[in-house]
C-alpha cells in the first residue's frame, strides 16, 4: 500500500497556446559527469517548457533546467534506488507519470514504457490506461537511451535518448528531443548535440 509520503502516481497540467517543449531523459548526474553539457542548455534556449523523462539521479538537474524554462519530470528506476543508487528526494515537479493537456491533446510522460515500441508485451490501450487512465495522443518516455520517434496506432511516441550516455555508451554528447504543439497538431524530432 502506498504511503502518504510516496511520490504521486500521476500529476496533470494544462497549458494554453502554441508550445515548444524540450525533451530530455537519462542525464545520470553525477554518474555520467558532474554537470550536463552546456550544449543542452543552448538547444533548449527557445523552449517554453522542458520535460525530463527520468533518471536524472540528482534532482539538481531540474533546478539547472528550470533556469532555461519551466520543468516537469518523472521518476526513473535510477531515481528510485535501483543498482544501489540513492533515492531521489520528493520534488513537486516529479511524479511517476505526467499528463499534459495542450490544445485538446493529451501528452503522457513516463520513464520506462516497456510495452512500446520495443517488446509489445501489452496492448497499447491497456498500457495507456495503466499509466494515464486512458488514451493519450503523444507518449513521451525514456529509459532506453535510444532516440526514437514513431507513430503507432495513432499515438506519436517519442524517446529523446540521452544527452550524456547515448545508446548506453560512454559519456559523450548525445541527443535531446523536441515536441512542437501548434494549432492542435503535434510534431516531434530528435537533435544530436554538437
N, C-alpha and C. Protein backbone atom coordinates (compact mmCIF):
# COMPACT_ATOMS: atom_id res chain seq x y z
N UNK A 1 0.84 -1.18 0.00
CA UNK A 1 0.00 0.00 0.00
C UNK A 1 0.88 1.24 0.00
N UNK A 2 0.55 2.20 -0.82
CA UNK A 2 1.34 3.42 -0.92
C UNK A 2 1.21 4.24 0.35
N UNK A 3 2.32 4.76 0.80
CA UNK A 3 2.33 5.61 1.97
C UNK A 3 2.02 7.05 1.60
N UNK A 4 1.72 7.86 2.60
CA UNK A 4 1.35 9.26 2.33
C UNK A 4 2.53 10.07 1.82
N UNK A 5 3.76 9.59 2.03
CA UNK A 5 4.93 10.33 1.57
C UNK A 5 5.45 9.83 0.23
N UNK A 6 4.77 8.83 -0.37
CA UNK A 6 5.20 8.33 -1.67
C UNK A 6 4.94 9.38 -2.74
N UNK A 7 5.81 9.44 -3.77
CA UNK A 7 5.56 10.39 -4.85
C UNK A 7 4.25 10.05 -5.56
N UNK A 8 3.58 11.06 -6.12
CA UNK A 8 2.31 10.78 -6.79
C UNK A 8 2.48 9.86 -7.99
N UNK A 9 1.44 9.04 -8.25
CA UNK A 9 1.45 8.18 -9.42
C UNK A 9 1.25 9.01 -10.68
N UNK A 10 0.37 10.03 -10.60
CA UNK A 10 0.03 10.82 -11.78
C UNK A 10 -0.23 12.27 -11.38
N UNK A 11 0.42 13.19 -12.09
CA UNK A 11 0.13 14.62 -11.98
C UNK A 11 -0.39 15.09 -13.32
N UNK A 12 -1.31 16.07 -13.30
CA UNK A 12 -1.85 16.62 -14.54
C UNK A 12 -1.59 18.12 -14.61
N UNK A 13 -1.38 18.60 -15.84
CA UNK A 13 -1.06 20.01 -16.10
C UNK A 13 -1.79 20.45 -17.36
N UNK A 14 -2.16 21.73 -17.41
CA UNK A 14 -2.79 22.30 -18.60
C UNK A 14 -1.99 23.51 -19.05
N UNK A 15 -1.73 23.60 -20.35
CA UNK A 15 -1.01 24.73 -20.94
C UNK A 15 -1.82 25.27 -22.11
N UNK A 16 -1.75 26.58 -22.31
CA UNK A 16 -2.50 27.24 -23.38
C UNK A 16 -1.57 27.64 -24.51
N UNK A 17 -2.12 27.73 -25.71
CA UNK A 17 -1.39 28.28 -26.84
C UNK A 17 -0.40 27.31 -27.44
N UNK A 18 0.32 27.80 -28.47
CA UNK A 18 1.38 27.02 -29.10
C UNK A 18 2.52 26.84 -28.11
N UNK A 19 3.11 25.66 -28.09
CA UNK A 19 4.16 25.35 -27.11
C UNK A 19 5.28 24.58 -27.80
N UNK A 20 6.53 25.01 -27.54
CA UNK A 20 7.71 24.25 -27.94
C UNK A 20 8.28 23.62 -26.68
N UNK A 21 8.30 22.29 -26.66
CA UNK A 21 8.72 21.54 -25.48
C UNK A 21 10.06 20.86 -25.75
N UNK A 22 11.03 21.08 -24.87
CA UNK A 22 12.29 20.36 -24.91
C UNK A 22 12.15 19.04 -24.18
N UNK A 23 12.65 17.97 -24.76
CA UNK A 23 12.57 16.64 -24.17
C UNK A 23 13.96 16.13 -23.85
N UNK A 24 14.14 15.66 -22.63
CA UNK A 24 15.42 15.11 -22.21
C UNK A 24 15.15 13.96 -21.24
N UNK A 25 16.04 13.00 -21.22
CA UNK A 25 15.91 11.87 -20.32
C UNK A 25 17.29 11.30 -20.03
N UNK A 26 17.39 10.57 -18.94
CA UNK A 26 18.59 9.79 -18.65
C UNK A 26 19.86 10.64 -18.64
N UNK A 27 19.83 11.71 -17.85
CA UNK A 27 21.02 12.56 -17.71
C UNK A 27 22.06 11.90 -16.80
N UNK A 28 21.62 11.09 -15.84
CA UNK A 28 22.54 10.31 -14.98
C UNK A 28 23.62 11.18 -14.33
N UNK A 29 23.20 12.25 -13.66
CA UNK A 29 24.14 13.13 -12.96
C UNK A 29 24.17 12.73 -11.49
N UNK A 30 25.31 12.52 -10.85
CA UNK A 30 26.68 12.75 -11.31
C UNK A 30 27.35 11.51 -11.88
N UNK A 31 26.60 10.46 -12.12
CA UNK A 31 27.20 9.22 -12.61
C UNK A 31 27.89 9.43 -13.97
N UNK A 32 27.20 10.10 -14.90
CA UNK A 32 27.78 10.33 -16.24
C UNK A 32 28.87 11.39 -16.19
N UNK A 33 28.60 12.46 -15.50
CA UNK A 33 29.55 13.57 -15.33
C UNK A 33 28.99 14.49 -14.27
N UNK A 34 29.77 15.47 -13.81
CA UNK A 34 29.33 16.32 -12.70
C UNK A 34 28.21 17.27 -13.09
N UNK A 35 28.12 17.65 -14.36
CA UNK A 35 27.05 18.53 -14.85
C UNK A 35 26.61 18.05 -16.22
N UNK A 36 25.47 18.56 -16.66
CA UNK A 36 25.06 18.27 -18.03
C UNK A 36 25.88 19.13 -18.98
N UNK A 37 25.95 18.74 -20.22
CA UNK A 37 26.70 19.52 -21.21
C UNK A 37 26.03 20.86 -21.47
N UNK A 38 26.84 21.92 -21.62
CA UNK A 38 26.30 23.24 -21.93
C UNK A 38 25.50 23.24 -23.23
N UNK A 39 25.84 22.36 -24.14
CA UNK A 39 25.14 22.28 -25.43
C UNK A 39 23.65 21.98 -25.25
N UNK A 40 23.29 21.32 -24.15
CA UNK A 40 21.88 21.03 -23.90
C UNK A 40 21.12 22.31 -23.60
N UNK A 41 21.70 23.17 -22.78
CA UNK A 41 21.04 24.45 -22.48
C UNK A 41 20.84 25.27 -23.75
N UNK A 42 21.85 25.28 -24.60
CA UNK A 42 21.77 26.03 -25.85
C UNK A 42 20.65 25.47 -26.74
N UNK A 43 20.53 24.15 -26.80
CA UNK A 43 19.49 23.53 -27.62
C UNK A 43 18.10 23.91 -27.13
N UNK A 44 17.93 24.09 -25.82
CA UNK A 44 16.61 24.37 -25.23
C UNK A 44 16.31 25.86 -25.08
N UNK A 45 17.16 26.73 -25.56
CA UNK A 45 17.02 28.17 -25.30
C UNK A 45 15.69 28.76 -25.73
N UNK A 46 15.02 28.22 -26.76
CA UNK A 46 13.75 28.78 -27.23
C UNK A 46 12.54 28.00 -26.74
N UNK A 47 12.74 27.04 -25.82
CA UNK A 47 11.64 26.20 -25.36
C UNK A 47 10.76 26.93 -24.33
N UNK A 48 9.48 26.62 -24.38
CA UNK A 48 8.52 27.16 -23.41
C UNK A 48 8.41 26.26 -22.19
N UNK A 49 8.82 25.01 -22.33
CA UNK A 49 8.68 24.01 -21.28
C UNK A 49 9.70 22.91 -21.55
N UNK A 50 10.20 22.28 -20.49
CA UNK A 50 11.12 21.15 -20.63
C UNK A 50 10.53 19.97 -19.86
N UNK A 51 10.49 18.81 -20.52
CA UNK A 51 10.06 17.58 -19.87
C UNK A 51 11.28 16.68 -19.68
N UNK A 52 11.51 16.25 -18.45
CA UNK A 52 12.61 15.32 -18.15
C UNK A 52 12.00 13.95 -17.92
N UNK A 53 12.38 13.00 -18.78
CA UNK A 53 11.80 11.66 -18.75
C UNK A 53 12.42 10.71 -17.75
N UNK A 54 13.05 11.21 -16.70
CA UNK A 54 13.52 10.37 -15.62
C UNK A 54 14.97 9.96 -15.72
N UNK A 55 15.45 9.38 -14.63
CA UNK A 55 16.86 9.03 -14.43
C UNK A 55 17.76 10.26 -14.51
N UNK A 56 17.33 11.30 -13.80
CA UNK A 56 18.23 12.44 -13.61
C UNK A 56 19.26 12.08 -12.54
N UNK A 57 18.87 11.21 -11.61
CA UNK A 57 19.66 10.70 -10.48
C UNK A 57 19.85 11.76 -9.40
N UNK A 58 20.08 13.00 -9.76
CA UNK A 58 20.15 14.09 -8.79
C UNK A 58 19.15 15.14 -9.25
N UNK A 59 18.20 15.48 -8.39
CA UNK A 59 17.16 16.43 -8.79
C UNK A 59 17.70 17.83 -9.05
N UNK A 60 18.97 18.07 -8.74
CA UNK A 60 19.56 19.37 -9.08
C UNK A 60 19.48 19.62 -10.59
N UNK A 61 19.42 18.56 -11.38
CA UNK A 61 19.28 18.71 -12.83
C UNK A 61 18.01 19.50 -13.15
N UNK A 62 16.94 19.25 -12.41
CA UNK A 62 15.70 20.00 -12.62
C UNK A 62 15.90 21.48 -12.32
N UNK A 63 16.67 21.78 -11.28
CA UNK A 63 16.97 23.18 -10.95
C UNK A 63 17.75 23.85 -12.08
N UNK A 64 18.73 23.14 -12.61
CA UNK A 64 19.53 23.70 -13.72
C UNK A 64 18.65 23.98 -14.92
N UNK A 65 17.79 23.03 -15.28
CA UNK A 65 16.91 23.20 -16.43
C UNK A 65 15.88 24.30 -16.19
N UNK A 66 15.47 24.46 -14.94
CA UNK A 66 14.48 25.49 -14.58
C UNK A 66 15.00 26.89 -14.90
N UNK A 67 16.32 27.05 -15.00
CA UNK A 67 16.90 28.35 -15.37
C UNK A 67 16.62 28.67 -16.84
N UNK A 68 16.29 27.65 -17.64
CA UNK A 68 16.02 27.83 -19.07
C UNK A 68 14.52 27.97 -19.32
N UNK A 69 13.72 27.09 -18.70
CA UNK A 69 12.27 27.07 -18.90
C UNK A 69 11.65 26.25 -17.76
N UNK A 70 10.34 26.39 -17.53
CA UNK A 70 9.69 25.54 -16.53
C UNK A 70 9.92 24.06 -16.83
N UNK A 71 10.02 23.25 -15.77
CA UNK A 71 10.37 21.84 -15.92
C UNK A 71 9.34 20.95 -15.22
N UNK A 72 9.00 19.86 -15.91
CA UNK A 72 8.17 18.80 -15.33
C UNK A 72 8.94 17.50 -15.57
N UNK A 73 8.98 16.63 -14.57
CA UNK A 73 9.74 15.39 -14.72
C UNK A 73 9.00 14.18 -14.20
N UNK A 74 9.54 13.03 -14.53
CA UNK A 74 9.06 11.76 -13.97
C UNK A 74 10.22 11.05 -13.31
N UNK A 75 9.89 10.21 -12.35
CA UNK A 75 10.90 9.44 -11.65
C UNK A 75 11.26 8.22 -12.48
N UNK A 76 12.55 7.99 -12.64
CA UNK A 76 13.03 6.80 -13.32
C UNK A 76 13.47 5.76 -12.32
N UNK A 77 13.78 4.56 -12.82
CA UNK A 77 14.26 3.50 -11.95
C UNK A 77 15.53 3.92 -11.22
N UNK A 78 16.38 4.72 -11.86
CA UNK A 78 17.60 5.20 -11.23
C UNK A 78 17.36 6.28 -10.20
N UNK A 79 16.15 6.86 -10.19
CA UNK A 79 15.79 7.86 -9.18
C UNK A 79 15.13 7.22 -7.98
N UNK A 80 14.81 5.96 -8.11
CA UNK A 80 14.13 5.23 -7.03
C UNK A 80 15.02 4.16 -6.40
N UNK A 81 16.35 4.31 -6.55
CA UNK A 81 17.27 3.47 -5.82
C UNK A 81 17.75 2.21 -6.52
N UNK A 82 17.52 2.08 -7.83
CA UNK A 82 18.00 0.86 -8.49
C UNK A 82 19.51 0.81 -8.50
N UNK A 83 20.06 -0.38 -8.52
CA UNK A 83 21.51 -0.62 -8.54
C UNK A 83 22.23 0.07 -7.40
N UNK A 84 21.55 0.23 -6.27
CA UNK A 84 22.18 0.81 -5.09
C UNK A 84 22.33 2.32 -5.11
N UNK A 85 21.73 2.98 -6.10
CA UNK A 85 21.79 4.44 -6.16
C UNK A 85 20.93 5.03 -5.04
N UNK A 86 21.25 6.25 -4.62
CA UNK A 86 20.38 6.88 -3.61
C UNK A 86 19.01 7.20 -4.20
N UNK A 87 18.00 7.16 -3.37
CA UNK A 87 16.65 7.51 -3.80
C UNK A 87 16.56 9.03 -3.89
N UNK A 88 16.12 9.53 -5.03
CA UNK A 88 15.96 10.97 -5.21
C UNK A 88 14.86 11.47 -4.27
N UNK A 89 15.06 12.63 -3.66
CA UNK A 89 14.04 13.15 -2.75
C UNK A 89 12.77 13.54 -3.51
N UNK A 90 11.68 13.62 -2.76
CA UNK A 90 10.43 14.08 -3.36
C UNK A 90 10.63 15.51 -3.86
N UNK A 91 9.98 15.81 -4.95
CA UNK A 91 10.08 17.14 -5.55
C UNK A 91 8.72 17.41 -6.20
N UNK A 92 8.15 18.60 -6.03
CA UNK A 92 6.83 18.87 -6.60
C UNK A 92 6.80 18.79 -8.13
N UNK A 93 7.95 18.82 -8.78
CA UNK A 93 8.00 18.73 -10.25
C UNK A 93 7.97 17.29 -10.73
N UNK A 94 8.02 16.32 -9.81
CA UNK A 94 8.14 14.91 -10.17
C UNK A 94 6.90 14.10 -9.80
N UNK A 95 6.59 13.13 -10.64
CA UNK A 95 5.61 12.08 -10.35
C UNK A 95 6.07 10.85 -11.12
N UNK A 96 5.43 9.73 -10.91
CA UNK A 96 5.77 8.55 -11.70
C UNK A 96 5.30 8.71 -13.14
N UNK A 97 4.18 9.42 -13.32
CA UNK A 97 3.63 9.69 -14.64
C UNK A 97 3.12 11.12 -14.66
N UNK A 98 3.21 11.77 -15.82
CA UNK A 98 2.70 13.12 -16.00
C UNK A 98 1.74 13.11 -17.18
N UNK A 99 0.67 13.90 -17.08
CA UNK A 99 -0.29 14.04 -18.17
C UNK A 99 -0.50 15.52 -18.43
N UNK A 100 -0.18 15.95 -19.65
CA UNK A 100 -0.32 17.35 -20.04
C UNK A 100 -1.48 17.50 -21.01
N UNK A 101 -2.25 18.54 -20.81
CA UNK A 101 -3.36 18.88 -21.70
C UNK A 101 -2.97 20.17 -22.43
N UNK A 102 -2.80 20.08 -23.74
CA UNK A 102 -2.39 21.24 -24.55
C UNK A 102 -3.21 21.24 -25.83
N UNK A 103 -3.98 22.29 -26.05
CA UNK A 103 -4.75 22.47 -27.28
C UNK A 103 -5.58 21.23 -27.64
N UNK A 104 -6.21 20.64 -26.66
CA UNK A 104 -7.05 19.48 -26.90
C UNK A 104 -6.30 18.17 -27.01
N UNK A 105 -4.97 18.21 -26.93
CA UNK A 105 -4.15 17.00 -26.99
C UNK A 105 -3.82 16.53 -25.57
N UNK A 106 -3.67 15.22 -25.42
CA UNK A 106 -3.18 14.64 -24.17
C UNK A 106 -1.79 14.10 -24.42
N UNK A 107 -0.83 14.57 -23.62
CA UNK A 107 0.56 14.15 -23.73
C UNK A 107 0.92 13.42 -22.44
N UNK A 108 1.22 12.13 -22.55
CA UNK A 108 1.57 11.33 -21.38
C UNK A 108 3.07 11.10 -21.33
N UNK A 109 3.66 11.28 -20.15
CA UNK A 109 5.09 11.02 -19.98
C UNK A 109 5.29 10.05 -18.82
N UNK A 110 6.16 9.07 -19.06
CA UNK A 110 6.59 8.12 -18.04
C UNK A 110 8.04 7.76 -18.35
N UNK A 111 8.75 7.17 -17.40
CA UNK A 111 10.16 6.85 -17.67
C UNK A 111 10.28 5.59 -18.51
N UNK A 112 9.84 4.50 -17.96
CA UNK A 112 10.00 3.22 -18.63
C UNK A 112 8.66 2.78 -19.19
N UNK A 113 8.63 2.57 -20.48
CA UNK A 113 7.40 2.13 -21.13
C UNK A 113 7.74 0.88 -21.91
N UNK A 114 7.97 -0.25 -21.22
CA UNK A 114 8.43 -1.46 -21.90
C UNK A 114 7.41 -2.01 -22.89
N UNK A 115 6.18 -1.57 -22.76
CA UNK A 115 5.14 -2.05 -23.66
C UNK A 115 5.38 -1.59 -25.09
N UNK A 116 6.08 -0.47 -25.26
CA UNK A 116 6.24 0.14 -26.58
C UNK A 116 7.59 0.77 -26.73
N UNK A 117 8.11 0.90 -27.91
CA UNK A 117 7.75 0.10 -29.07
C UNK A 117 8.61 -1.15 -29.14
N UNK A 118 9.28 -1.43 -28.06
CA UNK A 118 10.38 -2.39 -28.09
C UNK A 118 9.91 -3.84 -27.95
N UNK A 119 8.99 -4.12 -27.02
CA UNK A 119 8.63 -5.52 -26.81
C UNK A 119 7.19 -5.82 -27.17
N UNK A 120 6.33 -4.81 -27.11
CA UNK A 120 4.93 -5.04 -27.42
C UNK A 120 4.27 -6.02 -26.46
N UNK A 121 4.72 -6.02 -25.18
CA UNK A 121 4.24 -7.01 -24.23
C UNK A 121 2.82 -6.75 -23.73
N UNK A 122 2.30 -5.55 -23.96
CA UNK A 122 0.95 -5.22 -23.53
C UNK A 122 0.29 -4.40 -24.63
N UNK A 123 -0.97 -4.63 -24.93
CA UNK A 123 -1.63 -3.80 -25.93
C UNK A 123 -1.56 -2.32 -25.55
N UNK A 124 -1.41 -1.48 -26.54
CA UNK A 124 -1.21 -0.05 -26.31
C UNK A 124 -2.33 0.55 -25.46
N UNK A 125 -3.58 0.23 -25.74
CA UNK A 125 -4.67 0.83 -24.98
C UNK A 125 -4.60 0.44 -23.50
N UNK A 126 -4.23 -0.80 -23.19
CA UNK A 126 -4.09 -1.22 -21.79
C UNK A 126 -2.93 -0.52 -21.11
N UNK A 127 -1.84 -0.35 -21.84
CA UNK A 127 -0.67 0.32 -21.27
C UNK A 127 -1.00 1.79 -20.96
N UNK A 128 -1.68 2.45 -21.87
CA UNK A 128 -2.05 3.85 -21.63
C UNK A 128 -3.02 3.96 -20.47
N UNK A 129 -3.93 3.02 -20.36
CA UNK A 129 -4.87 3.00 -19.22
C UNK A 129 -4.10 2.87 -17.92
N UNK A 130 -3.09 2.01 -17.90
CA UNK A 130 -2.30 1.80 -16.69
C UNK A 130 -1.55 3.06 -16.26
N UNK A 131 -0.94 3.75 -17.24
CA UNK A 131 -0.11 4.92 -16.90
C UNK A 131 -0.92 6.21 -16.72
N UNK A 132 -1.93 6.43 -17.59
CA UNK A 132 -2.62 7.73 -17.60
C UNK A 132 -4.12 7.64 -17.46
N UNK A 133 -4.66 6.47 -17.22
CA UNK A 133 -6.09 6.33 -17.02
C UNK A 133 -6.89 6.38 -18.31
N UNK A 134 -6.23 6.30 -19.45
CA UNK A 134 -6.92 6.32 -20.74
C UNK A 134 -5.95 6.69 -21.84
N UNK A 135 -6.47 6.87 -23.06
CA UNK A 135 -5.60 7.12 -24.21
C UNK A 135 -4.93 8.49 -24.17
N UNK A 136 -3.76 8.56 -24.77
CA UNK A 136 -3.06 9.83 -24.98
C UNK A 136 -2.77 9.96 -26.47
N UNK A 137 -2.51 11.20 -26.89
CA UNK A 137 -2.18 11.47 -28.29
C UNK A 137 -0.67 11.38 -28.53
N UNK A 138 0.10 11.75 -27.49
CA UNK A 138 1.56 11.73 -27.57
C UNK A 138 2.07 11.02 -26.32
N UNK A 139 3.02 10.11 -26.52
CA UNK A 139 3.61 9.35 -25.43
C UNK A 139 5.10 9.67 -25.39
N UNK A 140 5.56 10.20 -24.26
CA UNK A 140 6.98 10.55 -24.08
C UNK A 140 7.56 9.61 -23.03
N UNK A 141 8.67 8.95 -23.37
CA UNK A 141 9.31 8.02 -22.44
C UNK A 141 10.83 8.16 -22.54
N UNK A 142 11.53 7.50 -21.64
CA UNK A 142 12.99 7.49 -21.64
C UNK A 142 13.47 6.07 -21.45
N UNK A 143 14.46 5.90 -20.58
CA UNK A 143 14.96 4.62 -20.10
C UNK A 143 15.93 3.92 -21.04
N UNK A 144 15.66 3.86 -22.33
CA UNK A 144 16.48 3.05 -23.23
C UNK A 144 17.76 3.75 -23.67
N UNK A 145 17.80 5.08 -23.55
CA UNK A 145 18.92 5.90 -24.05
C UNK A 145 18.99 5.90 -25.58
N UNK A 146 18.01 5.36 -26.24
CA UNK A 146 17.99 5.27 -27.71
C UNK A 146 16.91 6.22 -28.23
N UNK A 147 17.31 7.22 -29.04
CA UNK A 147 16.30 8.15 -29.55
C UNK A 147 15.35 7.45 -30.52
N UNK A 148 14.08 7.87 -30.44
CA UNK A 148 13.06 7.17 -31.22
C UNK A 148 11.85 8.07 -31.40
N UNK A 149 11.37 8.20 -32.62
CA UNK A 149 10.10 8.88 -32.91
C UNK A 149 9.33 7.99 -33.87
N UNK A 150 8.11 7.64 -33.50
CA UNK A 150 7.29 6.79 -34.37
C UNK A 150 5.82 7.09 -34.12
N UNK A 151 5.00 6.65 -35.03
CA UNK A 151 3.54 6.73 -34.88
C UNK A 151 3.02 5.31 -34.84
N UNK A 152 2.31 4.97 -33.76
CA UNK A 152 1.75 3.62 -33.63
C UNK A 152 0.31 3.73 -33.17
N UNK A 153 -0.56 3.15 -33.92
CA UNK A 153 -1.99 3.15 -33.60
C UNK A 153 -2.50 4.56 -33.33
N UNK A 154 -1.98 5.53 -34.10
CA UNK A 154 -2.40 6.92 -33.96
C UNK A 154 -1.75 7.67 -32.82
N UNK A 155 -0.83 7.04 -32.09
CA UNK A 155 -0.14 7.68 -30.96
C UNK A 155 1.28 8.03 -31.39
N UNK A 156 1.67 9.29 -31.23
CA UNK A 156 3.03 9.73 -31.51
C UNK A 156 3.89 9.35 -30.31
N UNK A 157 4.91 8.53 -30.53
CA UNK A 157 5.77 8.02 -29.45
C UNK A 157 7.16 8.63 -29.61
N UNK A 158 7.66 9.24 -28.53
CA UNK A 158 8.95 9.94 -28.58
C UNK A 158 9.82 9.52 -27.41
N UNK A 159 11.05 9.13 -27.71
CA UNK A 159 12.09 8.90 -26.70
C UNK A 159 13.27 9.75 -27.15
N UNK A 160 13.67 10.70 -26.31
CA UNK A 160 14.73 11.65 -26.68
C UNK A 160 16.12 11.05 -26.62
N UNK A 161 16.25 9.82 -26.12
CA UNK A 161 17.59 9.25 -25.94
C UNK A 161 18.22 9.83 -24.67
N UNK A 162 19.52 9.95 -24.66
CA UNK A 162 20.24 10.51 -23.51
C UNK A 162 21.25 11.54 -23.99
N UNK A 163 21.32 12.71 -23.32
CA UNK A 163 22.30 13.71 -23.73
C UNK A 163 23.71 13.41 -23.22
N UNK A 164 23.84 12.46 -22.29
CA UNK A 164 25.13 12.18 -21.66
C UNK A 164 25.62 10.76 -21.86
N UNK A 165 24.70 9.80 -21.99
CA UNK A 165 25.02 8.39 -22.20
C UNK A 165 24.26 7.87 -23.42
N UNK A 166 24.52 8.42 -24.60
CA UNK A 166 23.74 7.98 -25.76
C UNK A 166 23.92 6.49 -26.02
N UNK A 167 22.80 5.82 -26.25
CA UNK A 167 22.77 4.39 -26.56
C UNK A 167 23.54 3.56 -25.52
N UNK A 168 23.60 4.08 -24.27
CA UNK A 168 24.28 3.41 -23.16
C UNK A 168 25.77 3.23 -23.39
N UNK A 169 26.36 4.11 -24.18
CA UNK A 169 27.79 4.08 -24.41
C UNK A 169 28.49 4.93 -23.37
N UNK A 170 29.76 5.22 -23.56
CA UNK A 170 30.48 6.04 -22.60
C UNK A 170 29.97 7.48 -22.66
N UNK A 171 30.33 8.25 -21.65
CA UNK A 171 29.91 9.65 -21.58
C UNK A 171 30.38 10.40 -22.83
N UNK A 172 29.42 11.02 -23.50
CA UNK A 172 29.69 11.82 -24.68
C UNK A 172 28.44 12.61 -25.03
N UNK A 173 28.57 13.58 -25.91
CA UNK A 173 27.40 14.33 -26.34
C UNK A 173 26.39 13.39 -26.99
N UNK A 174 25.16 13.47 -26.53
CA UNK A 174 24.11 12.60 -27.04
C UNK A 174 23.00 13.40 -27.69
N UNK A 175 21.76 13.01 -27.40
CA UNK A 175 20.61 13.59 -28.09
C UNK A 175 19.60 14.17 -27.11
N UNK A 176 18.80 15.10 -27.63
CA UNK A 176 17.62 15.63 -26.96
C UNK A 176 16.50 15.59 -27.98
N UNK A 177 15.28 15.80 -27.51
CA UNK A 177 14.14 15.81 -28.41
C UNK A 177 13.35 17.09 -28.28
N UNK A 178 12.44 17.27 -29.22
CA UNK A 178 11.56 18.43 -29.21
C UNK A 178 10.16 17.99 -29.59
N UNK A 179 9.18 18.63 -28.98
CA UNK A 179 7.78 18.41 -29.30
C UNK A 179 7.14 19.78 -29.49
N UNK A 180 6.71 20.05 -30.70
CA UNK A 180 6.04 21.32 -31.02
C UNK A 180 4.54 21.07 -31.10
N UNK A 181 3.77 21.82 -30.34
CA UNK A 181 2.32 21.76 -30.43
C UNK A 181 1.88 23.08 -31.05
N UNK A 182 1.32 22.99 -32.24
CA UNK A 182 0.88 24.19 -32.95
C UNK A 182 -0.46 23.90 -33.61
N UNK A 183 -1.44 24.75 -33.35
CA UNK A 183 -2.78 24.59 -33.93
C UNK A 183 -3.35 23.20 -33.67
N UNK A 184 -3.10 22.67 -32.48
CA UNK A 184 -3.65 21.38 -32.10
C UNK A 184 -2.99 20.18 -32.72
N UNK A 185 -1.83 20.40 -33.35
CA UNK A 185 -1.12 19.29 -34.01
C UNK A 185 0.27 19.13 -33.39
N UNK A 186 0.67 17.88 -33.09
CA UNK A 186 2.00 17.63 -32.53
C UNK A 186 3.01 17.27 -33.62
N UNK A 187 4.21 17.75 -33.44
CA UNK A 187 5.34 17.36 -34.30
C UNK A 187 6.53 17.12 -33.39
N UNK A 188 7.23 16.01 -33.59
CA UNK A 188 8.37 15.68 -32.73
C UNK A 188 9.59 15.36 -33.57
N UNK A 189 10.77 15.70 -33.03
CA UNK A 189 12.02 15.37 -33.70
C UNK A 189 13.14 15.26 -32.66
N UNK A 190 14.22 14.65 -33.10
CA UNK A 190 15.41 14.41 -32.27
C UNK A 190 16.56 15.27 -32.83
N UNK A 191 17.38 15.81 -31.93
CA UNK A 191 18.58 16.55 -32.37
C UNK A 191 19.80 16.00 -31.65
N UNK A 192 20.85 15.81 -32.41
CA UNK A 192 22.16 15.44 -31.86
C UNK A 192 22.81 16.71 -31.32
N UNK A 193 23.33 16.65 -30.09
CA UNK A 193 24.04 17.79 -29.52
C UNK A 193 25.42 17.90 -30.15
N UNK A 194 25.84 19.12 -30.43
CA UNK A 194 27.17 19.39 -31.02
C UNK A 194 27.93 20.37 -30.15
